[in-house]
Amino acid sequence: MPAAAAAASEADSAEQAEAAEQAEAAEQAEVAEAAAPVPERFDHVVVGGGVIGASTARALARAGGGGGARVLLVEQFGRGHDKGSSHGASRIFRRGYITDDWVALTGDAITAWRELEAETGRTLLDFTGALDHGDPVVLDEIQAALERGGVAHERLTPEEAAVRWPGLRFDTSVLFHAQAGRVRSADAVEALLDSAAAAGAELRFDTAVAGIETEGVGTEGAQTEGGDVVLRLEGAGGASSTVVTTSLVLAVGSWARYLAGDIVRRAGASLPEVRVTQEEPAHFTTELPDDAWPSFVHHPTDPALRARVSTIYGLLTPGEGVKVGTHGTGREVHPDARLASPGAEGQAVLRDYVSEWVPGVDVDTLAPISCLYDTTPTEDPVLDRVGSVTVATGFSGHGFKFGAVFGELLAGIATGTPAPERFRLRRG
């Protein structure tokens, strides 16, 4: 065979072999693709199983009309965990705000909690009354807002208040309203989760988000209908899975910067600076009966005390004692690196305060607890949407009382209702 013909034959053989290899590789790829698990598709995926995430999953599932929308809730920790901001037996509930919209929202929250109580048969909201004392300017502002909101209240002298509530000390007039008290926080989260599941939501605990790929984030801050969002999930034991949705709600509180920050920035918006702190209130035992304790907030006027704290709050946790804490004074932390021991300075502040202002407890029985605050500069949370992604963060230590109603609000935002201006992301 001439050399040229032989070379051509070898070239043909090589091409045929290469083509055969490519065909085999393509066939293997098709087989592998066919064998690969198909990502699950949900109408809505909610990340975060605290009070806000549980409430949002419930609202979305209920809006689906029983068999309508498929809703998945994903929580990186176990059910009822103590790593975030929603654990523990009690949270303060009060209507004492200085702006009309917040006062009105507390009324909506009462309605929402009562509806959940009726549905689940659990008691979640206890009205013990709540009082504010201290700075008369602040008390006047709160009183004016309560009056505008039609919330019944009364103003007492320090002497009158001391007779009525002997467990506390007062040096100014006292503003009291009866439609206040505490939310049974652990029970409330459980009720919301149970209600969400009953409405058809799927709940997955011990399941972390390993990655988020977004098509559905608008540009220049636009709230587009959005496209698919793909989430890579890692469950207990390293099991991985993929889910797809056109509506992702990141109700992750102190973790928002890490899960939502880039998504929000790519949409031409930005999260506010969210300060994550480990707050460390404490319980103190008391010999007084339970009905002697309203929830209370002190706005101190003493310069020495104001130099250490701006606001102190307290409430009875039945069976545990009177919880007393300073608002937003904790040490800054990464949410995945909580501090193991209570801060000595913070505990000293509590001891000194309780010794002077809360004579109805035993100061030597201080039992510290802790939770995370995610605080914005204005103490207003973010509840807003960019494309297919809705973000909830920055509840600033006063969000739990609104948990049941914030879930309804977030469900609306996730399905196209514009966010209230107070709660919007910064754009432009």
Foldseek 3Di string as FASTA:
>chain_A
DDPVVVVVVVVVVVVVVVVVVVVVVVVVVVVVVVPDDDAAEFAEEEEDLALQSLLQLLLLLVVLPQPRGAYEYEYQADQQDFLFFQHDFKDWQDLQDLDQVSNVLLVVLVVLQVVLCVVQVDDFFDFLKEKEAADVVSVVSSVVSCVVNVFDKDKAAQVVVCVLQVQWHHDGIMIIGRRIAITRRSVSSVSSNVSSVVSPYHYHYSKDWPDKDFQFFAAQQDAALGDKIKTWIAHPPRDIGIYIYLAYEYQPALCCCVVPQVSQVRRQFGAFQWFKFKWKKWFFAFPDDQSSWGKYKYQHDDPVLCVQARMKIWHADPPGHIIIGGFPPGDTDRSVDDDDDDDPVRLVSVLVCCVPTRNRTDSVRTDMDIHMATAGPVCAWAFADGGNYTYTYHNRSPCSSSSNVSSNLNSCRNVPDGHPPSRHTGGD
